[in-house]
Amino acid sequence: MTTLPRLDVVIPVLNGEATLKDAVDSVLQQSGVRTRAIVVDAGSTDATVPLIQQMQCERVQLVQTQQPLLAGAARNLGL
């Protein structure tokens, strides 16, 4: 039995409701690896968080912070 390698992708986001679903879907549709999307929300005020919560997918993890973070800090938090 061959075990596929695991790939975790950290997606930092702030008010990204317009493009986030496409980004997460792209991660989950990769072949040849077991993928997980770790979405780090840095205090979005749009529907970003409800969008991720509605996905109800075990391969999508939401990490929230109420303080604004730059992309690098959000990636570090996701790690």
C-alpha atoms as a PDB file:
ATOM      1  CA  MET A   1       0.000   0.000   0.000  1.00  0.00           C
ATOM      2  CA  THR A   2       1.401   3.372  -1.021  1.00  0.00           C
ATOM      3  CA  THR A   3       0.850   6.315   1.281  1.00  0.00           C
ATOM      4  CA  LEU A   4       0.529   9.660  -0.426  1.00  0.00           C
ATOM      5  CA  PRO A   5       2.718  12.484   0.898  1.00  0.00           C
ATOM      6  CA  ARG A   6       0.942  15.116   2.946  1.00  0.00           C
ATOM      7  CA  LEU A   7       0.835  18.755   1.897  1.00  0.00           C
ATOM      8  CA  ASP A   8      -0.499  21.428   4.252  1.00  0.00           C
ATOM      9  CA  VAL A   9      -1.049  24.842   2.674  1.00  0.00           C
ATOM     10  CA  VAL A  10      -1.356  27.950   4.848  1.00  0.00           C
ATOM     11  CA  ILE A  11      -3.602  30.613   3.322  1.00  0.00           C
ATOM     12  CA  PRO A  12      -3.423  33.985   5.106  1.00  0.00           C
ATOM     13  CA  VAL A  13      -6.540  36.059   4.482  1.00  0.00           C
ATOM     14  CA  LEU A  14      -8.048  39.407   5.394  1.00  0.00           C
ATOM     15  CA  ASN A  15     -11.416  40.206   3.819  1.00  0.00           C
ATOM     16  CA  GLY A  16     -10.894  37.665   1.063  1.00  0.00           C
ATOM     17  CA  GLU A  17     -14.411  36.331   0.646  1.00  0.00           C
ATOM     18  CA  ALA A  18     -14.384  36.998  -3.116  1.00  0.00           C
ATOM     19  CA  THR A  19     -11.451  34.683  -3.885  1.00  0.00           C
ATOM     20  CA  LEU A  20     -11.010  32.430  -0.867  1.00  0.00           C
ATOM     21  CA  LYS A  21     -13.282  29.590  -1.972  1.00  0.00           C
ATOM     22  CA  ASP A  22     -11.372  29.247  -5.257  1.00  0.00           C
ATOM     23  CA  ALA A  23      -8.056  29.215  -3.391  1.00  0.00           C
ATOM     24  CA  VAL A  24      -9.204  26.521  -0.951  1.00  0.00           C
ATOM     25  CA  ASP A  25     -10.771  24.441  -3.733  1.00  0.00           C
ATOM     26  CA  SER A  26      -7.508  24.618  -5.663  1.00  0.00           C
ATOM     27  CA  VAL A  27      -5.603  23.214  -2.683  1.00  0.00           C
ATOM     28  CA  LEU A  28      -8.113  20.413  -2.105  1.00  0.00           C
ATOM     29  CA  GLN A  29      -8.167  19.358  -5.770  1.00  0.00           C
ATOM     30  CA  GLN A  30      -4.447  18.609  -6.008  1.00  0.00           C
ATOM     31  CA  SER A  31      -3.680  15.048  -7.006  1.00  0.00           C
ATOM     32  CA  GLY A  32      -0.882  12.812  -5.816  1.00  0.00           C
ATOM     33  CA  VAL A  33      -0.843  14.287  -2.294  1.00  0.00           C
ATOM     34  CA  ARG A  34      -3.066  14.393   0.768  1.00  0.00           C
ATOM     35  CA  THR A  35      -3.860  18.084   1.191  1.00  0.00           C
ATOM     36  CA  ARG A  36      -5.105  20.289   3.992  1.00  0.00           C
ATOM     37  CA  ALA A  37      -5.849  24.017   3.769  1.00  0.00           C
ATOM     38  CA  ILE A  38      -5.079  26.030   6.894  1.00  0.00           C
ATOM     39  CA  VAL A  39      -6.877  29.353   6.523  1.00  0.00           C
ATOM     40  CA  VAL A  40      -5.562  32.063   8.850  1.00  0.00           C
ATOM     41  CA  ASP A  41      -8.065  34.905   9.177  1.00  0.00           C
ATOM     42  CA  ALA A  42      -6.545  38.124  10.507  1.00  0.00           C
ATOM     43  CA  GLY A  43      -9.747  39.862  11.607  1.00  0.00           C
ATOM     44  CA  SER A  44     -11.839  39.953   8.435  1.00  0.00           C
ATOM     45  CA  THR A  45     -14.976  42.082   8.523  1.00  0.00           C
ATOM     46  CA  ASP A  46     -16.575  40.532   5.439  1.00  0.00           C
ATOM     47  CA  ALA A  47     -18.072  37.029   5.137  1.00  0.00           C
ATOM     48  CA  THR A  48     -14.699  35.258   5.048  1.00  0.00           C
ATOM     49  CA  VAL A  49     -15.165  33.370   8.322  1.00  0.00           C
ATOM     50  CA  PRO A  50     -18.759  32.212   7.672  1.00  0.00           C
ATOM     51  CA  LEU A  51     -17.680  31.077   4.188  1.00  0.00           C
ATOM     52  CA  ILE A  52     -15.014  28.787   5.644  1.00  0.00           C
ATOM     53  CA  GLN A  53     -17.314  27.569   8.423  1.00  0.00           C
ATOM     54  CA  GLN A  54     -19.978  26.619   5.843  1.00  0.00           C
ATOM     55  CA  MET A  55     -17.490  24.421   3.988  1.00  0.00           C
ATOM     56  CA  GLN A  56     -17.608  21.876   6.831  1.00  0.00           C
ATOM     57  CA  CYS A  57     -14.658  19.976   5.422  1.00  0.00           C
ATOM     58  CA  GLU A  58     -12.267  18.078   7.674  1.00  0.00           C
ATOM     59  CA  ARG A  59      -9.412  19.066   5.355  1.00  0.00           C
ATOM     60  CA  VAL A  60      -9.995  22.793   5.943  1.00  0.00           C
ATOM     61  CA  GLN A  61      -8.849  24.285   9.230  1.00  0.00           C
ATOM     62  CA  LEU A  62      -9.697  27.832  10.307  1.00  0.00           C
ATOM     63  CA  VAL A  63      -7.360  29.790  12.573  1.00  0.00           C
ATOM     64  CA  GLN A  64      -8.698  33.174  13.684  1.00  0.00           C
ATOM     65  CA  THR A  65      -7.084  36.189  15.260  1.00  0.00           C
ATOM     66  CA  GLN A  66      -8.737  39.483  16.042  1.00  0.00           C
ATOM     67  CA  GLN A  67      -5.599  41.530  15.512  1.00  0.00           C
ATOM     68  CA  PRO A  68      -4.544  42.474  11.992  1.00  0.00           C
ATOM     69  CA  LEU A  69      -1.505  40.539  10.809  1.00  0.00           C
ATOM     70  CA  LEU A  70       0.751  40.970   7.831  1.00  0.00           C
ATOM     71  CA  ALA A  71       0.925  37.973   5.508  1.00  0.00           C
ATOM     72  CA  GLY A  72       4.200  36.674   6.965  1.00  0.00           C
ATOM     73  CA  ALA A  73       2.922  36.781  10.542  1.00  0.00           C
ATOM     74  CA  ALA A  74      -0.315  35.072   9.480  1.00  0.00           C
ATOM     75  CA  ARG A  75       1.649  32.291   7.755  1.00  0.00           C
ATOM     76  CA  ASN A  76       3.753  31.824  10.891  1.00  0.00           C
ATOM     77  CA  LEU A  77       0.599  31.571  12.998  1.00  0.00           C
ATOM     78  CA  GLY A  78      -0.761  28.941  10.624  1.00  0.00           C
ATOM     79  CA  LEU A  79       2.393  26.891  10.960  1.00  0.00           C
END
